[in-house]
Each structure stands twice: as C-alpha cells, then as structure tokens.
Amino acid sequence: YELRDDHSVKMKVCRKHFDYIHECISILDEKLSNLSKPYHEFIKLASTIPGVTDKSATYIITKIGTDMSVFKSSKHLCSWASLTIQNNKSAEKKKSVRISCAGVYLNPLLVQCGNAAIRDKKNPYFKFKYDCIKKRRGHKRAIIIAIARMILIYIYHMFLKKEVFHPTETDYSDILEELYKKHRE
C-alpha cells in the first residue's frame, strides 16, 4: 500500500499506543495472578462449573470473596449481585420488573459465563435448563435470571462445602431420545 507521510505517522502512533496498552494488560495480569495465589483452591473449585474459566473465577472471587458466611443465604448473595427480579407492585398496579443495575461488574461477567455454559458440549446440564426456561421466558431472561443465577448459587454452595461442581438433578428423561443418546455417548 502506498501511504502518505502523515498517514504513516498516525499509524506509528496508533501502533505504539496499541503496544503500550498490551504491555499494561500483561503487567496487570501478572500482578493479578500473584495476588490470586492464596485463592488458588477456590479458583479451581469455581472453574469446575461449565462456562467458568480460571480468569472469570478470579474476577468472581474478587467481587464476592471466599467467605460465604457474610451472606445469610444464596438468595441474599443473588440479591446483592442484582440477579433477582424486583417486585414493584402497589395497589394492584404492576410497575417495572427489571433487574437492578447494582452488580455492574459481576452481573455481566456471570451472563457471559452463562452464555458459555449453555454452549458447552461436554456438560449439557445448563443447556437443558436454558432450553426449558427459554420456551417460557425468552433468551435474555433465561440467561440472566436462570443460568447466571444458578452459577452464582452453585459457587456459593461450593465455597461453603468446598466441593467441586456436581449437579444432583441430572434427570434427562424429559428431553428427546436422540439428544439423550448423544449425551450418553
């Protein structure tokens, strides 16, 4: 390509800025990995959930911590993370039922983990839950209200009991026979 001198100068400046940003990101990642070493056990526990990687588990732990005695129950944690629907009803007038914007960092992260969990081919647990809820509520509500909330509840109980992800309700009898055969294979 033929670039004029002013274009090449602009591209060099952009490239330097791009390299500087990547250098800052690598420094922060290294610092974060050093700070997260004491929580390695909890990171490994949380990353056993489908859709949750080591990095996302680290970010979740930075927001909620590892001491679950701070929260009265898993419902309290979900309410704190703004993964519950508001009930705003008065005098039989129903107002907004939107999700609050309190968990501005944790909520989008759990939604992304939920999206990854429903696409996981190895463990279709969240995919079957998602499909059942999506029929009634739609994609966004199924992800936010159901899957992201389930992931947070599982993390709460896993941190309390210090055990890996192992769903108890793995009854796939209501799904199509061919999907169940694929799951068994």
C-alpha atoms as a PDB file:
ATOM      1  CA  TYR A   1       0.000   0.000   0.000  1.00  0.00           C
ATOM      2  CA  GLU A   2       1.113   3.469  -0.682  1.00  0.00           C
ATOM      3  CA  LEU A   3       0.822   5.611   2.431  1.00  0.00           C
ATOM      4  CA  ARG A   4       1.443   9.270   2.633  1.00  0.00           C
ATOM      5  CA  ASP A   5       3.823  10.518   5.316  1.00  0.00           C
ATOM      6  CA  ASP A   6       1.060  11.878   7.535  1.00  0.00           C
ATOM      7  CA  HIS A   7      -0.774   8.516   7.413  1.00  0.00           C
ATOM      8  CA  SER A   8       2.340   6.543   8.298  1.00  0.00           C
ATOM      9  CA  VAL A   9       3.000   8.837  11.274  1.00  0.00           C
ATOM     10  CA  LYS A  10      -0.560   8.320  12.513  1.00  0.00           C
ATOM     11  CA  MET A  11      -0.223   4.553  12.103  1.00  0.00           C
ATOM     12  CA  LYS A  12       3.061   4.522  14.043  1.00  0.00           C
ATOM     13  CA  VAL A  13       1.441   6.479  16.880  1.00  0.00           C
ATOM     14  CA  CYS A  14      -1.528   4.086  16.926  1.00  0.00           C
ATOM     15  CA  ARG A  15       0.804   1.079  16.907  1.00  0.00           C
ATOM     16  CA  LYS A  16       2.835   2.483  19.836  1.00  0.00           C
ATOM     17  CA  HIS A  17      -0.376   3.100  21.765  1.00  0.00           C
ATOM     18  CA  PHE A  18      -1.593  -0.432  20.981  1.00  0.00           C
ATOM     19  CA  ASP A  19       1.707  -1.940  22.199  1.00  0.00           C
ATOM     20  CA  TYR A  20       1.591   0.199  25.347  1.00  0.00           C
ATOM     21  CA  ILE A  21      -1.945  -0.995  26.165  1.00  0.00           C
ATOM     22  CA  HIS A  22      -0.924  -4.643  25.708  1.00  0.00           C
ATOM     23  CA  GLU A  23       2.105  -4.094  27.932  1.00  0.00           C
ATOM     24  CA  CYS A  24      -0.145  -2.604  30.643  1.00  0.00           C
ATOM     25  CA  ILE A  25      -2.549  -5.537  30.334  1.00  0.00           C
ATOM     26  CA  SER A  26       0.271  -8.062  30.715  1.00  0.00           C
ATOM     27  CA  ILE A  27       1.588  -6.230  33.801  1.00  0.00           C
ATOM     28  CA  LEU A  28      -1.881  -6.213  35.351  1.00  0.00           C
ATOM     29  CA  ASP A  29      -2.424  -9.903  34.512  1.00  0.00           C
ATOM     30  CA  GLU A  30       0.885 -10.794  36.160  1.00  0.00           C
ATOM     31  CA  LYS A  31       0.002  -8.745  39.242  1.00  0.00           C
ATOM     32  CA  LEU A  32      -3.456 -10.326  39.399  1.00  0.00           C
ATOM     33  CA  SER A  33      -2.029 -13.832  39.155  1.00  0.00           C
ATOM     34  CA  ASN A  34       0.368 -13.054  42.026  1.00  0.00           C
ATOM     35  CA  LEU A  35      -2.456 -11.678  44.162  1.00  0.00           C
ATOM     36  CA  SER A  36      -4.725 -14.649  43.427  1.00  0.00           C
ATOM     37  CA  LYS A  37      -2.261 -17.353  44.549  1.00  0.00           C
ATOM     38  CA  PRO A  38      -3.773 -17.663  48.071  1.00  0.00           C
ATOM     39  CA  TYR A  39      -7.176 -18.307  46.486  1.00  0.00           C
ATOM     40  CA  HIS A  40      -5.990 -20.993  44.075  1.00  0.00           C
ATOM     41  CA  GLU A  41      -8.149 -23.671  45.723  1.00  0.00           C
ATOM     42  CA  PHE A  42     -11.319 -21.594  45.341  1.00  0.00           C
ATOM     43  CA  ILE A  43     -10.450 -20.658  41.756  1.00  0.00           C
ATOM     44  CA  LYS A  44     -10.106 -24.335  40.870  1.00  0.00           C
ATOM     45  CA  LEU A  45     -13.433 -25.094  42.580  1.00  0.00           C
ATOM     46  CA  ALA A  46     -15.270 -22.366  40.686  1.00  0.00           C
ATOM     47  CA  SER A  47     -13.670 -23.287  37.368  1.00  0.00           C
ATOM     48  CA  THR A  48     -15.214 -26.778  37.530  1.00  0.00           C
ATOM     49  CA  ILE A  49     -18.539 -25.178  36.591  1.00  0.00           C
ATOM     50  CA  PRO A  50     -19.107 -25.281  32.824  1.00  0.00           C
ATOM     51  CA  GLY A  51     -18.583 -21.847  31.291  1.00  0.00           C
ATOM     52  CA  VAL A  52     -16.421 -20.529  34.140  1.00  0.00           C
ATOM     53  CA  THR A  53     -12.719 -20.231  33.330  1.00  0.00           C
ATOM     54  CA  ASP A  54      -9.856 -19.589  35.732  1.00  0.00           C
ATOM     55  CA  LYS A  55      -9.810 -15.897  34.814  1.00  0.00           C
ATOM     56  CA  SER A  56     -13.552 -15.429  35.264  1.00  0.00           C
ATOM     57  CA  ALA A  57     -13.399 -17.382  38.549  1.00  0.00           C
ATOM     58  CA  THR A  58     -10.701 -14.982  39.718  1.00  0.00           C
ATOM     59  CA  TYR A  59     -12.875 -11.975  38.842  1.00  0.00           C
ATOM     60  CA  ILE A  60     -15.883 -13.512  40.604  1.00  0.00           C
ATOM     61  CA  ILE A  61     -13.809 -14.112  43.742  1.00  0.00           C
ATOM     62  CA  THR A  62     -12.561 -10.521  43.686  1.00  0.00           C
ATOM     63  CA  LYS A  63     -16.177  -9.335  43.817  1.00  0.00           C
ATOM     64  CA  ILE A  64     -17.810 -11.781  46.267  1.00  0.00           C
ATOM     65  CA  GLY A  65     -14.806 -13.060  48.221  1.00  0.00           C
ATOM     66  CA  THR A  66     -14.411 -16.601  49.541  1.00  0.00           C
ATOM     67  CA  ASP A  67     -16.058 -16.205  52.941  1.00  0.00           C
ATOM     68  CA  MET A  68     -19.696 -17.038  52.328  1.00  0.00           C
ATOM     69  CA  SER A  69     -20.681 -16.503  55.963  1.00  0.00           C
ATOM     70  CA  VAL A  70     -21.037 -12.823  55.051  1.00  0.00           C
ATOM     71  CA  PHE A  71     -24.222 -13.680  53.155  1.00  0.00           C
ATOM     72  CA  LYS A  72     -27.205 -15.157  55.015  1.00  0.00           C
ATOM     73  CA  SER A  73     -28.113 -17.441  52.129  1.00  0.00           C
ATOM     74  CA  SER A  74     -27.621 -17.923  48.426  1.00  0.00           C
ATOM     75  CA  LYS A  75     -30.717 -15.779  47.836  1.00  0.00           C
ATOM     76  CA  HIS A  76     -29.055 -12.931  49.723  1.00  0.00           C
ATOM     77  CA  LEU A  77     -25.956 -13.269  47.536  1.00  0.00           C
ATOM     78  CA  CYS A  78     -28.069 -13.231  44.365  1.00  0.00           C
ATOM     79  CA  SER A  79     -29.919 -10.177  45.584  1.00  0.00           C
ATOM     80  CA  TRP A  80     -26.608  -8.458  46.374  1.00  0.00           C
ATOM     81  CA  ALA A  81     -25.340  -9.298  42.886  1.00  0.00           C
ATOM     82  CA  SER A  82     -28.614  -7.971  41.399  1.00  0.00           C
ATOM     83  CA  LEU A  83     -29.627 -11.261  39.834  1.00  0.00           C
ATOM     84  CA  THR A  84     -33.163 -11.181  41.201  1.00  0.00           C
ATOM     85  CA  ILE A  85     -36.255  -9.603  39.747  1.00  0.00           C
ATOM     86  CA  GLN A  86     -37.669  -6.630  41.580  1.00  0.00           C
ATOM     87  CA  ASN A  87     -41.238  -6.922  42.754  1.00  0.00           C
ATOM     88  CA  ASN A  88     -42.560  -3.414  42.343  1.00  0.00           C
ATOM     89  CA  LYS A  89     -46.312  -3.756  42.806  1.00  0.00           C
ATOM     90  CA  SER A  90     -48.609  -1.449  44.700  1.00  0.00           C
ATOM     91  CA  ALA A  91     -52.410  -1.229  44.788  1.00  0.00           C
ATOM     92  CA  GLU A  92     -52.619  -3.906  42.117  1.00  0.00           C
ATOM     93  CA  LYS A  93     -50.582  -1.741  39.749  1.00  0.00           C
ATOM     94  CA  LYS A  94     -47.603  -3.567  38.381  1.00  0.00           C
ATOM     95  CA  LYS A  95     -44.601  -1.375  37.723  1.00  0.00           C
ATOM     96  CA  SER A  96     -41.154  -2.220  36.352  1.00  0.00           C
ATOM     97  CA  VAL A  97     -39.850  -5.749  36.912  1.00  0.00           C
ATOM     98  CA  ARG A  98     -36.411  -5.062  35.549  1.00  0.00           C
ATOM     99  CA  ILE A  99     -33.232  -6.293  37.108  1.00  0.00           C
ATOM    100  CA  SER A 100     -31.442  -3.631  39.104  1.00  0.00           C
ATOM    101  CA  CYS A 101     -28.090  -2.261  37.999  1.00  0.00           C
ATOM    102  CA  ALA A 102     -26.286  -2.847  41.290  1.00  0.00           C
ATOM    103  CA  GLY A 103     -23.866  -5.546  40.147  1.00  0.00           C
ATOM    104  CA  VAL A 104     -22.302  -3.618  37.295  1.00  0.00           C
ATOM    105  CA  TYR A 105     -19.166  -5.803  37.219  1.00  0.00           C
ATOM    106  CA  LEU A 106     -20.391  -9.169  38.465  1.00  0.00           C
ATOM    107  CA  ASN A 107     -23.682  -9.331  36.577  1.00  0.00           C
ATOM    108  CA  PRO A 108     -22.245  -9.038  33.024  1.00  0.00           C
ATOM    109  CA  LEU A 109     -19.472 -11.482  33.909  1.00  0.00           C
ATOM    110  CA  LEU A 110     -21.971 -14.091  35.101  1.00  0.00           C
ATOM    111  CA  VAL A 111     -24.093 -13.531  31.998  1.00  0.00           C
ATOM    112  CA  GLN A 112     -21.045 -14.224  29.821  1.00  0.00           C
ATOM    113  CA  CYS A 113     -20.279 -17.336  31.859  1.00  0.00           C
ATOM    114  CA  GLY A 114     -23.897 -18.391  31.411  1.00  0.00           C
ATOM    115  CA  ASN A 115     -23.663 -17.940  27.644  1.00  0.00           C
ATOM    116  CA  ALA A 116     -20.521 -20.071  27.604  1.00  0.00           C
ATOM    117  CA  ALA A 117     -22.165 -22.684  29.837  1.00  0.00           C
ATOM    118  CA  ILE A 118     -25.108 -23.237  27.513  1.00  0.00           C
ATOM    119  CA  ARG A 119     -22.706 -23.753  24.614  1.00  0.00           C
ATOM    120  CA  ASP A 120     -20.598 -26.330  26.459  1.00  0.00           C
ATOM    121  CA  LYS A 121     -20.753 -29.662  24.624  1.00  0.00           C
ATOM    122  CA  LYS A 122     -19.138 -31.755  27.374  1.00  0.00           C
ATOM    123  CA  ASN A 123     -21.661 -30.939  30.081  1.00  0.00           C
ATOM    124  CA  PRO A 124     -25.162 -30.113  28.748  1.00  0.00           C
ATOM    125  CA  TYR A 125     -26.648 -29.512  32.211  1.00  0.00           C
ATOM    126  CA  PHE A 126     -27.090 -25.751  31.771  1.00  0.00           C
ATOM    127  CA  LYS A 127     -28.151 -26.156  28.125  1.00  0.00           C
ATOM    128  CA  PHE A 128     -31.142 -28.303  29.101  1.00  0.00           C
ATOM    129  CA  LYS A 129     -32.102 -25.902  31.895  1.00  0.00           C
ATOM    130  CA  TYR A 130     -31.779 -22.990  29.481  1.00  0.00           C
ATOM    131  CA  ASP A 131     -33.924 -24.661  26.816  1.00  0.00           C
ATOM    132  CA  CYS A 132     -36.731 -25.329  29.292  1.00  0.00           C
ATOM    133  CA  ILE A 133     -36.768 -21.737  30.548  1.00  0.00           C
ATOM    134  CA  LYS A 134     -36.242 -20.116  27.147  1.00  0.00           C
ATOM    135  CA  LYS A 135     -39.548 -21.526  25.886  1.00  0.00           C
ATOM    136  CA  ARG A 136     -41.438 -19.602  28.550  1.00  0.00           C
ATOM    137  CA  ARG A 137     -39.330 -16.536  29.256  1.00  0.00           C
ATOM    138  CA  GLY A 138     -37.102 -15.820  26.239  1.00  0.00           C
ATOM    139  CA  HIS A 139     -33.331 -15.748  25.805  1.00  0.00           C
ATOM    140  CA  LYS A 140     -32.340 -12.767  27.951  1.00  0.00           C
ATOM    141  CA  ARG A 141     -34.398 -13.697  30.974  1.00  0.00           C
ATOM    142  CA  ALA A 142     -33.336 -17.332  30.719  1.00  0.00           C
ATOM    143  CA  ILE A 143     -29.676 -16.337  30.750  1.00  0.00           C
ATOM    144  CA  ILE A 144     -29.835 -13.627  33.394  1.00  0.00           C
ATOM    145  CA  ILE A 145     -32.465 -14.907  35.764  1.00  0.00           C
ATOM    146  CA  ALA A 146     -31.860 -18.605  35.448  1.00  0.00           C
ATOM    147  CA  ILE A 147     -28.399 -19.568  34.252  1.00  0.00           C
ATOM    148  CA  ALA A 148     -26.305 -16.706  35.681  1.00  0.00           C
ATOM    149  CA  ARG A 149     -28.200 -17.001  38.965  1.00  0.00           C
ATOM    150  CA  MET A 150     -27.683 -20.790  39.033  1.00  0.00           C
ATOM    151  CA  ILE A 151     -23.949 -20.338  38.504  1.00  0.00           C
ATOM    152  CA  LEU A 152     -23.760 -17.887  41.407  1.00  0.00           C
ATOM    153  CA  ILE A 153     -25.796 -20.213  43.656  1.00  0.00           C
ATOM    154  CA  TYR A 154     -23.521 -23.126  42.772  1.00  0.00           C
ATOM    155  CA  ILE A 155     -20.465 -21.016  43.573  1.00  0.00           C
ATOM    156  CA  TYR A 156     -21.992 -20.066  46.924  1.00  0.00           C
ATOM    157  CA  HIS A 157     -22.602 -23.681  47.922  1.00  0.00           C
ATOM    158  CA  MET A 158     -19.283 -24.894  46.504  1.00  0.00           C
ATOM    159  CA  PHE A 159     -17.383 -22.342  48.587  1.00  0.00           C
ATOM    160  CA  LEU A 160     -19.368 -23.271  51.708  1.00  0.00           C
ATOM    161  CA  LYS A 161     -18.865 -27.023  51.332  1.00  0.00           C
ATOM    162  CA  LYS A 162     -15.544 -26.856  49.435  1.00  0.00           C
ATOM    163  CA  GLU A 163     -16.566 -29.431  46.854  1.00  0.00           C
ATOM    164  CA  VAL A 164     -16.465 -29.451  43.061  1.00  0.00           C
ATOM    165  CA  PHE A 165     -19.414 -28.906  40.730  1.00  0.00           C
ATOM    166  CA  HIS A 166     -21.604 -31.971  40.588  1.00  0.00           C
ATOM    167  CA  PRO A 167     -25.252 -31.266  39.747  1.00  0.00           C
ATOM    168  CA  THR A 168     -27.720 -33.507  41.540  1.00  0.00           C
ATOM    169  CA  GLU A 169     -30.639 -33.066  39.178  1.00  0.00           C
ATOM    170  CA  THR A 170     -29.263 -34.794  36.112  1.00  0.00           C
ATOM    171  CA  ASP A 171     -32.559 -36.349  35.065  1.00  0.00           C
ATOM    172  CA  TYR A 172     -32.722 -36.010  31.308  1.00  0.00           C
ATOM    173  CA  SER A 173     -35.901 -38.078  30.872  1.00  0.00           C
ATOM    174  CA  ASP A 174     -37.941 -35.171  29.505  1.00  0.00           C
ATOM    175  CA  ILE A 175     -35.600 -34.499  26.579  1.00  0.00           C
ATOM    176  CA  LEU A 176     -35.740 -36.079  23.158  1.00  0.00           C
ATOM    177  CA  GLU A 177     -34.387 -39.617  22.941  1.00  0.00           C
ATOM    178  CA  GLU A 178     -31.793 -38.784  20.284  1.00  0.00           C
ATOM    179  CA  LEU A 179     -30.387 -35.904  22.377  1.00  0.00           C
ATOM    180  CA  TYR A 180     -30.185 -38.228  25.365  1.00  0.00           C
ATOM    181  CA  LYS A 181     -28.284 -40.797  23.280  1.00  0.00           C
ATOM    182  CA  LYS A 182     -25.833 -38.100  22.181  1.00  0.00           C
ATOM    183  CA  HIS A 183     -25.419 -37.059  25.812  1.00  0.00           C
ATOM    184  CA  ARG A 184     -24.708 -40.629  26.916  1.00  0.00           C
ATOM    185  CA  GLU A 185     -22.167 -41.098  24.111  1.00  0.00           C
END
